[in-house]
Amino acid sequence: MSENFTVKFSYKGKSNSMDNVSYHTTATELLDEVRNSFQVDDDIILRLIFKGKTIAQESVVEDDDNSMEVDGDATNNDNNAHPAFQPETTKIPKSKILKVIVMGSATTTNIQKLNSLRSDPLMRGFDDLPNQKSNNKSSTAAVLSTYWGPLHGHQSKQYKFCRFQECTDASFGSRPGSSTPHAWEARTLLEKLATDPGTVAIFESRELIVGTLGEMDPIDDRLMQKTASEGACLLGYNTNRGMRIDVKLRTDDLSGFRPYAELASTLIHELSHNWCGEHDVLFWTNFGQMRVEYLWEHARWMRRGGGKSSSTAALAEVTEMISPSIAKGTIARGSNDARNDDARAMMDNICQSVFRELTRDMAQHRLPVQSVAPAVLAFSRELMTERKYEDASWSKTGGQRLGGGDGTNSSPSASSNDGAAGAGAAAVVGMTPRERALAAAEKRAREKQRD
């Protein structure tokens, strides 16, 4: 049977034909035609497929130097010396055109060459994955943010935010502009809020655990639109009393972030919703006490550093709320006057600053600040009694123990006839911060029921 036909090869979207093919045409001849017509590189192994079956395939031989080469020669490759098409299994169509698919694969030499190339130093291999997980755990526990300096930058091991979630560009209600900060900058800011020494002090004293600290979408938010229609401005919200807290980090035009001091105040506001859902007197009392504790923690580190510009208070932008004399420059940073600044005077400034915040915020809910002032002042006295300087190096540099060294229990912004409140503060000195917070909350709840 000497009937001739045409074979049409298809390889990488291209087609070539071979005429005068017969049942005597060997697989090697087909492979040679494919390699020449498509100009296939020598390091590619060819394979011909006709109706789902392999009719020809090149082999690879190993040289003395362990290199691999494709062997398509008929004299050395007996596997392809047979006819490619068998009369018994191949029927010639009326068009006399047989379609053959050509497949090519890289040789082992080519693969070894790729593997020998230098890997990208920015990409980790699978072998490094276990070490990467262990390193991530240790590094996360050690330093989460470097903004606060070497002594800070980490959360409490037990009481902390478990996860962080920033908004990506695709999650905004409108397309961000070229000046919009990147998502990684938002995540850095969330970590900065979580590792703020004042925030860490609040979490430890109240034994708080929050599931997620997230960024609130500044544009596409139905809750924000609802509160805006009510005459308010939503800057954050608390989901399921601490399961998740979202804070509005960005400005409305997406050109930057809101001032850090406002973000920290918003975060403390949302933390207060862990206990109280409504904005009543109990809520504002708890918020005021946490604000005092936040500022007092920064005041302690300010006194340790002598009011230097690198203190945590300056980084948190709250220096003026703690010590206006240092903020205005009437006392030089790092001087002995700044280091020896009276702790009671600092606490007095802190309380006055917090009362100004409360007056502004509580006015929206038609509540007077006088309803929460006594509890906030009593809490400030407890802080001064409890958190005294324990580091001996502070006294060597001229520091003094908080509350003074005369053994008195003076009260910031409190009158001399406030003896009952002072006795109450002294009675709870032996209690833990969490026990005192719970006792105060229960007391206020009982008073509210009696009223």
Protein backbone atom coordinates (compact mmCIF):
# COMPACT_ATOMS: atom_id res chain seq x y z
CA MET A 1 0.00 0.00 0.00
CA SER A 2 1.76 3.10 -1.29
CA GLU A 3 -0.93 5.74 -0.83
CA ASN A 4 0.60 9.11 0.12
CA PHE A 5 -0.95 11.77 2.39
CA THR A 6 -0.08 15.02 4.18
CA VAL A 7 0.68 15.46 7.87
CA LYS A 8 -0.14 18.83 9.47
CA PHE A 9 1.90 19.59 12.59
CA SER A 10 0.71 22.05 15.28
CA TYR A 11 3.25 23.46 17.74
CA LYS A 12 2.85 26.55 19.99
CA GLY A 13 0.07 28.02 17.87
CA LYS A 14 1.94 27.52 14.59
CA SER A 15 1.31 24.97 11.84
CA ASN A 16 3.53 23.32 9.25
CA SER A 17 2.81 20.53 6.75
CA MET A 18 4.82 17.60 5.52
CA ASP A 19 3.82 16.18 2.11
CA ASN A 20 4.34 12.78 0.53
CA VAL A 21 4.03 10.90 3.81
CA SER A 22 3.28 7.20 3.56
CA TYR A 23 2.90 4.25 5.84
CA HIS A 24 6.63 3.66 5.44
CA THR A 25 7.61 7.05 6.87
CA THR A 26 9.39 6.49 10.17
CA ALA A 27 8.91 8.40 13.41
CA THR A 28 12.47 9.72 13.17
CA GLU A 29 11.71 11.35 9.83
CA LEU A 30 8.68 13.07 11.33
CA LEU A 31 10.75 14.31 14.31
CA ASP A 32 13.47 15.64 12.03
CA GLU A 33 10.90 17.47 9.93
CA VAL A 34 9.30 19.03 13.02
CA ARG A 35 12.62 20.16 14.47
CA ASN A 36 13.75 21.73 11.20
CA SER A 37 10.45 23.34 10.19
CA PHE A 38 9.74 24.87 13.62
CA GLN A 39 13.44 25.49 14.40
CA VAL A 40 13.19 23.84 17.80
CA ASP A 41 16.16 24.23 20.15
CA ASP A 42 18.37 21.23 20.77
CA ASP A 43 17.60 21.14 24.50
CA ILE A 44 13.87 20.50 23.85
CA ILE A 45 12.53 16.96 23.81
CA LEU A 46 9.88 16.50 21.12
CA ARG A 47 6.82 14.28 21.29
CA LEU A 48 4.28 13.67 18.49
CA ILE A 49 0.67 12.81 19.33
CA PHE A 50 -1.91 11.56 16.84
CA LYS A 51 -5.49 11.00 18.02
CA GLY A 52 -4.42 10.91 21.66
CA LYS A 53 -1.62 8.38 21.18
CA THR A 54 2.13 8.98 21.05
CA ILE A 55 3.53 8.01 17.66
CA ALA A 56 7.07 9.41 18.13
CA GLN A 57 9.16 10.61 21.06
CA GLU A 58 12.78 11.61 21.39
CA SER A 59 14.99 10.18 24.10
CA VAL A 60 17.76 11.71 26.23
CA VAL A 61 21.26 10.28 26.46
CA GLU A 62 23.83 11.05 29.17
CA ASP A 63 27.37 12.00 28.16
CA ASP A 64 30.55 11.20 30.05
CA ASP A 65 30.42 14.56 31.81
CA ASN A 66 26.91 13.72 33.14
CA SER A 67 25.31 16.26 30.78
CA MET A 68 22.04 15.43 29.05
CA GLU A 69 21.52 15.72 25.30
CA VAL A 70 18.57 14.99 23.05
CA ASP A 71 19.14 12.06 20.73
CA GLY A 72 16.93 12.17 17.67
CA ASP A 73 19.24 10.28 15.32
CA ALA A 74 17.68 7.20 13.79
CA THR A 75 20.89 5.23 14.05
CA ASN A 76 21.14 5.78 17.80
CA ASN A 77 17.44 5.90 18.62
CA ASP A 78 15.89 2.55 17.68
CA ASN A 79 12.61 3.47 19.36
CA ASN A 80 11.77 5.85 16.49
CA ALA A 81 12.93 3.64 13.60
CA HIS A 82 9.44 2.13 13.19
CA PRO A 83 6.82 3.53 10.82
CA ALA A 84 4.87 6.32 12.47
CA PHE A 85 1.51 5.25 11.00
CA GLN A 86 0.18 1.69 10.80
CA PRO A 87 -2.26 0.74 8.02
CA GLU A 88 -4.33 -1.34 10.41
CA THR A 89 -4.97 1.53 12.85
CA THR A 90 -4.68 4.64 10.67
CA LYS A 91 -7.44 5.51 8.24
CA ILE A 92 -6.75 8.16 5.66
CA PRO A 93 -9.58 10.73 5.42
CA LYS A 94 -10.89 12.05 2.12
CA SER A 95 -8.87 15.25 2.56
CA LYS A 96 -5.75 13.12 2.94
CA ILE A 97 -4.53 15.33 5.81
CA LEU A 98 -3.58 13.91 9.20
CA LYS A 99 -3.31 16.34 12.15
CA VAL A 100 -0.47 15.73 14.60
CA ILE A 101 0.11 17.67 17.81
CA VAL A 102 3.73 18.47 18.72
CA MET A 103 4.71 18.79 22.38
CA GLY A 104 8.09 19.95 23.68
CA SER A 105 9.61 19.68 27.16
CA ALA A 106 12.89 20.89 28.63
CA THR A 107 15.71 18.45 29.23
CA THR A 108 17.16 17.71 32.63
CA THR A 109 20.19 19.81 31.71
CA ASN A 110 18.00 22.84 31.18
CA ILE A 111 16.25 22.24 34.49
CA GLN A 112 19.57 21.83 36.29
CA LYS A 113 20.78 25.06 34.70
CA LEU A 114 17.75 26.91 36.01
CA ASN A 115 18.17 25.42 39.47
CA SER A 116 21.82 26.42 39.55
CA LEU A 117 20.97 30.07 38.96
CA ARG A 118 21.11 32.40 41.96
CA SER A 119 17.78 32.62 43.72
CA ASP A 120 16.00 35.89 44.41
CA PRO A 121 17.12 37.05 47.88
CA LEU A 122 13.70 38.62 48.45
CA MET A 123 11.93 35.28 48.08
CA ARG A 124 12.01 32.50 50.66
CA GLY A 125 12.11 28.84 49.72
CA PHE A 126 9.97 26.08 51.13
CA ASP A 127 12.91 24.84 53.21
CA ASP A 128 12.91 28.13 55.11
CA LEU A 129 9.19 28.01 55.90
CA PRO A 130 9.44 26.32 59.37
CA ASN A 131 12.19 28.72 60.43
CA GLN A 132 10.19 31.63 59.07
CA LYS A 133 7.17 30.71 61.20
CA SER A 134 9.25 30.41 64.36
CA ASN A 135 11.06 33.65 63.62
CA ASN A 136 7.79 35.45 63.01
CA LYS A 137 6.47 34.30 66.38
CA SER A 138 9.55 35.41 68.24
CA SER A 139 9.88 38.72 66.39
CA THR A 140 6.19 39.53 66.85
CA ALA A 141 6.44 38.86 70.56
CA ALA A 142 9.64 40.88 70.83
CA VAL A 143 9.13 43.99 68.71
CA LEU A 144 5.96 44.91 66.84
CA SER A 145 6.74 48.59 66.25
CA THR A 146 10.06 50.43 66.47
CA TYR A 147 8.38 53.83 66.74
CA TRP A 148 8.44 53.95 70.55
CA GLY A 149 12.10 53.14 70.95
CA PRO A 150 14.01 50.11 72.26
CA LEU A 151 12.23 49.98 75.63
CA HIS A 152 8.77 49.67 74.07
CA GLY A 153 7.38 48.50 70.75
CA HIS A 154 5.63 45.38 72.04
CA GLN A 155 2.29 44.42 73.52
CA SER A 156 1.67 42.50 76.70
CA LYS A 157 2.04 38.75 76.26
CA GLN A 158 -1.43 38.09 77.66
CA TYR A 159 -3.47 41.26 77.17
CA LYS A 160 -3.30 42.58 73.65
CA PHE A 161 -4.80 42.96 70.20
CA CYS A 162 -4.67 39.55 68.54
CA ARG A 163 -4.88 40.68 64.91
CA PHE A 164 -4.58 43.79 62.76
CA GLN A 165 -6.48 44.55 59.56
CA GLU A 166 -5.93 47.58 57.37
CA CYS A 167 -8.03 48.79 54.44
CA THR A 168 -6.71 48.03 50.97
CA ASP A 169 -7.16 50.42 48.06
CA ALA A 170 -9.89 48.22 46.61
CA SER A 171 -11.99 48.51 49.79
CA PHE A 172 -12.41 52.28 49.57
CA GLY A 173 -15.73 53.71 48.42
CA SER A 174 -13.91 55.74 45.77
CA ARG A 175 -10.65 55.37 43.94
CA PRO A 176 -7.75 56.70 46.06
CA GLY A 177 -5.44 59.35 44.67
CA SER A 178 -1.68 59.43 44.29
CA SER A 179 -1.29 61.05 47.72
CA THR A 180 -3.24 58.34 49.54
CA PRO A 181 -0.98 56.50 52.05
CA HIS A 182 -0.35 52.86 51.23
CA ALA A 183 -2.06 50.06 53.13
CA TRP A 184 1.21 49.06 54.83
CA GLU A 185 1.42 52.55 56.31
CA ALA A 186 -2.05 52.08 57.80
CA ARG A 187 -0.98 48.75 59.29
CA THR A 188 2.12 50.39 60.76
CA LEU A 189 -0.13 52.98 62.37
CA LEU A 190 -2.37 50.27 63.84
CA GLU A 191 0.68 48.57 65.33
CA LYS A 192 1.83 51.93 66.66
CA LEU A 193 -1.50 52.36 68.46
CA ALA A 194 -1.33 48.84 69.88
CA THR A 195 2.20 49.25 71.24
CA ASP A 196 1.66 52.75 72.63
CA PRO A 197 2.93 52.59 76.25
CA GLY A 198 -0.30 54.21 77.43
CA THR A 199 -2.40 51.65 75.56
CA VAL A 200 -0.31 48.78 76.92
CA ALA A 201 -0.76 50.11 80.47
CA ILE A 202 -4.55 50.22 80.03
CA PHE A 203 -4.64 46.66 78.65
CA GLU A 204 -2.53 45.28 81.48
CA SER A 205 -4.37 47.04 84.30
CA ARG A 206 -7.80 45.99 82.98
CA GLU A 207 -6.70 42.63 81.55
CA LEU A 208 -8.15 43.37 78.12
CA ILE A 209 -8.01 41.11 75.07
CA VAL A 210 -9.37 42.44 71.77
CA GLY A 211 -9.74 40.16 68.77
CA THR A 212 -8.96 42.58 65.92
CA LEU A 213 -7.86 46.18 65.64
CA GLY A 214 -8.92 47.29 62.18
CA GLU A 215 -9.04 50.37 60.01
CA MET A 216 -12.48 51.80 59.32
CA ASP A 217 -13.23 52.63 55.70
CA PRO A 218 -13.35 56.45 55.69
CA ILE A 219 -15.83 56.64 52.81
CA ASP A 220 -18.04 53.62 52.22
CA ASP A 221 -19.51 53.02 55.66
CA ARG A 222 -23.24 52.84 56.38
CA LEU A 223 -22.78 53.37 60.12
CA MET A 224 -20.84 56.54 59.43
CA GLN A 225 -23.59 57.83 57.14
CA LYS A 226 -26.21 57.07 59.76
CA THR A 227 -24.41 58.95 62.53
CA ALA A 228 -23.65 61.83 60.16
CA SER A 229 -27.39 62.23 59.55
CA GLU A 230 -27.84 62.44 63.32
CA GLY A 231 -25.38 65.33 63.58
CA ALA A 232 -22.40 63.30 64.81
CA CYS A 233 -19.16 62.14 63.22
CA LEU A 234 -18.24 58.48 63.50
CA LEU A 235 -14.54 57.99 64.16
CA GLY A 236 -14.65 54.33 65.23
CA TYR A 237 -16.88 51.53 66.47
CA ASN A 238 -16.71 48.52 68.76
CA THR A 239 -18.18 45.21 67.60
CA ASN A 240 -19.51 42.75 70.17
CA ARG A 241 -17.82 44.51 73.11
CA GLY A 242 -14.22 43.94 72.16
CA MET A 243 -14.38 41.24 69.51
CA ARG A 244 -13.29 43.87 66.99
CA ILE A 245 -12.49 47.58 67.18
CA ASP A 246 -12.27 49.74 64.06
CA VAL A 247 -10.74 53.22 64.05
CA LYS A 248 -10.99 55.80 61.28
CA LEU A 249 -7.33 56.40 60.47
CA ARG A 250 -7.54 58.44 57.27
CA THR A 251 -8.96 61.85 56.50
CA ASP A 252 -12.09 62.12 54.39
CA ASP A 253 -10.13 63.10 51.27
CA LEU A 254 -7.75 60.12 51.76
CA SER A 255 -4.75 62.45 51.53
CA GLY A 256 -3.28 61.43 54.88
CA PHE A 257 -3.90 60.20 58.40
CA ARG A 258 -5.70 61.95 61.22
CA PRO A 259 -3.55 63.35 64.08
CA TYR A 260 -2.18 60.59 66.27
CA ALA A 261 -3.44 62.13 69.52
CA GLU A 262 -6.99 62.01 68.14
CA LEU A 263 -6.56 58.39 67.04
CA ALA A 264 -5.37 57.36 70.51
CA SER A 265 -8.34 59.14 72.13
CA THR A 266 -10.72 57.42 69.69
CA LEU A 267 -9.21 54.03 70.50
CA ILE A 268 -9.68 54.58 74.25
CA HIS A 269 -13.24 55.71 73.57
CA GLU A 270 -13.97 52.43 71.78
CA LEU A 271 -12.26 50.41 74.50
CA SER A 272 -14.66 51.97 77.01
CA HIS A 273 -17.51 50.40 75.05
CA ASN A 274 -16.23 47.00 76.20
CA TRP A 275 -18.13 47.67 79.44
CA CYS A 276 -20.78 50.24 78.51
CA GLY A 277 -22.76 50.36 75.31
CA GLU A 278 -24.57 53.64 75.90
CA HIS A 279 -22.90 57.01 76.34
CA ASP A 280 -24.09 57.46 79.90
CA VAL A 281 -22.32 58.67 83.04
CA LEU A 282 -20.81 55.23 83.66
CA PHE A 283 -19.31 55.20 80.18
CA TRP A 284 -17.77 58.68 80.45
CA THR A 285 -16.42 57.89 83.91
CA ASN A 286 -14.64 54.84 82.59
CA PHE A 287 -13.39 56.77 79.55
CA GLY A 288 -12.07 59.62 81.70
CA GLN A 289 -10.23 57.23 84.01
CA MET A 290 -8.58 55.43 81.09
CA ARG A 291 -7.54 58.75 79.57
CA VAL A 292 -5.93 59.74 82.85
CA GLU A 293 -4.13 56.41 83.02
CA TYR A 294 -2.97 56.78 79.39
CA LEU A 295 -1.52 60.26 79.94
CA TRP A 296 -0.06 59.34 83.33
CA GLU A 297 1.92 56.47 81.79
CA HIS A 298 3.46 58.89 79.30
CA ALA A 299 4.13 61.35 82.13
CA ARG A 300 6.12 58.70 83.98
CA TRP A 301 8.33 58.11 80.96
CA MET A 302 8.63 61.84 80.43
CA ARG A 303 9.98 62.26 83.96
CA ARG A 304 12.38 59.38 83.47
CA GLY A 305 13.76 61.00 80.30
CA GLY A 306 13.75 64.52 81.73
CA GLY A 307 11.24 65.72 79.13
CA LYS A 308 13.48 64.97 76.18
CA SER A 309 12.07 65.31 72.70
CA SER A 310 12.42 61.54 72.22
CA SER A 311 10.14 60.77 75.18
CA THR A 312 6.99 58.78 74.53
CA ALA A 313 4.86 61.83 75.39
CA ALA A 314 6.41 63.79 72.55
CA LEU A 315 5.98 60.86 70.17
CA ALA A 316 2.33 60.53 71.23
CA GLU A 317 1.81 64.30 70.80
CA VAL A 318 0.51 64.75 74.36
CA THR A 319 3.33 66.79 75.93
CA GLU A 320 1.16 69.90 76.25
CA MET A 321 -1.58 67.92 77.99
CA ILE A 322 0.91 66.69 80.59
CA SER A 323 3.29 69.61 81.05
CA PRO A 324 2.49 72.85 79.20
CA SER A 325 5.70 74.44 80.50
CA ILE A 326 7.82 71.87 78.63
CA ALA A 327 5.62 72.04 75.53
CA LYS A 328 5.87 75.85 75.38
CA GLY A 329 9.62 75.81 76.00
CA THR A 330 9.61 77.71 79.32
CA ILE A 331 11.46 74.69 80.77
CA ALA A 332 14.25 73.30 78.60
CA ARG A 333 13.94 69.69 77.56
CA GLY A 334 16.37 67.46 79.41
CA SER A 335 17.08 70.03 82.13
CA ASN A 336 16.99 69.35 85.86
CA ASP A 337 13.87 71.52 86.14
CA ALA A 338 12.08 69.27 83.67
CA ARG A 339 13.31 66.14 85.44
CA ASN A 340 12.29 67.47 88.85
CA ASP A 341 8.94 68.84 87.70
CA ASP A 342 6.39 68.06 90.43
CA ALA A 343 4.45 64.86 89.76
CA ARG A 344 1.36 66.33 91.40
CA ALA A 345 1.52 69.29 89.02
CA MET A 346 1.70 66.87 86.07
CA MET A 347 -1.31 64.97 87.34
CA ASP A 348 -3.18 68.24 87.81
CA ASN A 349 -2.47 69.16 84.18
CA ILE A 350 -3.57 65.70 83.06
CA CYS A 351 -6.87 65.94 84.92
CA GLN A 352 -7.57 69.40 83.58
CA SER A 353 -6.83 68.22 80.02
CA VAL A 354 -9.11 65.21 80.41
CA PHE A 355 -11.88 67.39 81.84
CA ARG A 356 -11.67 69.63 78.79
CA GLU A 357 -12.07 66.57 76.55
CA LEU A 358 -14.99 65.31 78.61
CA THR A 359 -16.70 68.71 78.58
CA ARG A 360 -16.55 68.79 74.79
CA ASP A 361 -17.61 65.18 74.21
CA MET A 362 -20.26 64.93 76.94
CA ALA A 363 -21.97 68.11 75.72
CA GLN A 364 -23.16 66.16 72.65
CA HIS A 365 -25.07 63.88 75.02
CA ARG A 366 -26.22 66.71 77.32
CA LEU A 367 -24.29 65.43 80.32
CA PRO A 368 -22.34 67.68 82.72
CA VAL A 369 -18.68 66.93 83.40
CA GLN A 370 -19.33 67.44 87.12
CA SER A 371 -21.10 64.07 87.18
CA VAL A 372 -17.87 62.19 86.45
CA ALA A 373 -15.22 64.52 87.92
CA PRO A 374 -15.17 63.04 91.48
CA ALA A 375 -14.59 59.47 90.21
CA VAL A 376 -11.88 60.61 87.81
CA LEU A 377 -10.10 62.57 90.54
CA ALA A 378 -10.28 59.64 92.94
CA PHE A 379 -8.78 57.39 90.28
CA SER A 380 -5.95 59.87 89.68
CA ARG A 381 -5.07 59.73 93.38
CA GLU A 382 -5.01 55.95 93.24
CA LEU A 383 -2.56 56.07 90.33
CA MET A 384 -0.22 58.41 92.19
CA THR A 385 -0.38 56.21 95.28
CA GLU A 386 0.20 52.95 93.45
CA ARG A 387 2.58 53.64 90.58
CA LYS A 388 5.65 54.94 92.32
CA TYR A 389 9.12 54.96 90.85
CA GLU A 390 10.87 51.66 91.51
CA ASP A 391 13.91 52.13 89.31
CA ALA A 392 16.87 53.23 91.45
CA SER A 393 18.47 54.95 88.48
CA TRP A 394 15.72 57.54 88.50
CA SER A 395 16.56 58.72 91.98
CA LYS A 396 20.26 58.87 91.00
CA THR A 397 19.41 61.34 88.24
CA GLY A 398 17.34 63.55 90.51
CA GLY A 399 13.95 61.92 90.10
CA GLN A 400 11.49 61.66 92.95
CA ARG A 401 8.88 59.13 93.96
CA LEU A 402 5.41 59.76 92.64
CA GLY A 403 3.12 61.27 95.24
CA GLY A 404 6.00 62.99 97.01
CA GLY A 405 8.28 61.79 99.76
CA ASP A 406 6.37 63.29 102.68
CA GLY A 407 3.94 60.42 102.97
CA THR A 408 0.94 62.62 102.25
CA ASN A 409 -1.76 61.72 99.77
CA SER A 410 -2.35 65.07 98.12
CA SER A 411 -5.04 65.27 95.49
CA PRO A 412 -4.72 67.10 92.17
CA SER A 413 -7.52 69.60 91.63
CA ALA A 414 -9.13 68.46 94.89
CA SER A 415 -10.13 70.57 97.88
CA SER A 416 -8.84 70.01 101.41
CA ASN A 417 -12.23 68.84 102.68
CA ASP A 418 -12.17 65.80 100.38
CA GLY A 419 -11.12 63.51 103.22
CA ALA A 420 -13.75 60.86 102.55
CA ALA A 421 -12.54 60.35 99.01
CA GLY A 422 -8.94 60.18 100.24
CA ALA A 423 -9.85 57.54 102.81
CA GLY A 424 -11.63 55.54 100.11
CA ALA A 425 -8.55 55.69 97.91
CA ALA A 426 -6.32 54.51 100.76
CA ALA A 427 -8.66 51.62 101.49
CA VAL A 428 -8.22 50.13 98.02
CA VAL A 429 -4.45 50.46 97.75
CA GLY A 430 -4.01 46.74 98.44
CA MET A 431 -6.35 45.75 95.60
CA THR A 432 -5.24 44.94 92.06
CA PRO A 433 -6.11 47.43 89.29
CA ARG A 434 -8.70 45.07 87.86
CA GLU A 435 -10.33 44.56 91.27
CA ARG A 436 -10.50 48.31 91.81
CA ALA A 437 -12.00 48.87 88.35
CA LEU A 438 -14.65 46.21 88.92
CA ALA A 439 -15.42 47.51 92.41
CA ALA A 440 -15.79 51.05 91.11
CA ALA A 441 -18.06 49.90 88.29
CA GLU A 442 -20.26 47.93 90.69
CA LYS A 443 -20.43 50.90 93.06
CA ARG A 444 -21.51 53.24 90.29
CA ALA A 445 -24.10 50.74 89.10
CA ARG A 446 -25.58 50.53 92.62
CA GLU A 447 -25.67 54.29 92.91
CA LYS A 448 -27.40 54.54 89.57
CA GLN A 449 -30.07 52.05 90.66
CA ARG A 450 -30.71 53.97 93.87
CA ASP A 451 -31.14 57.18 91.93
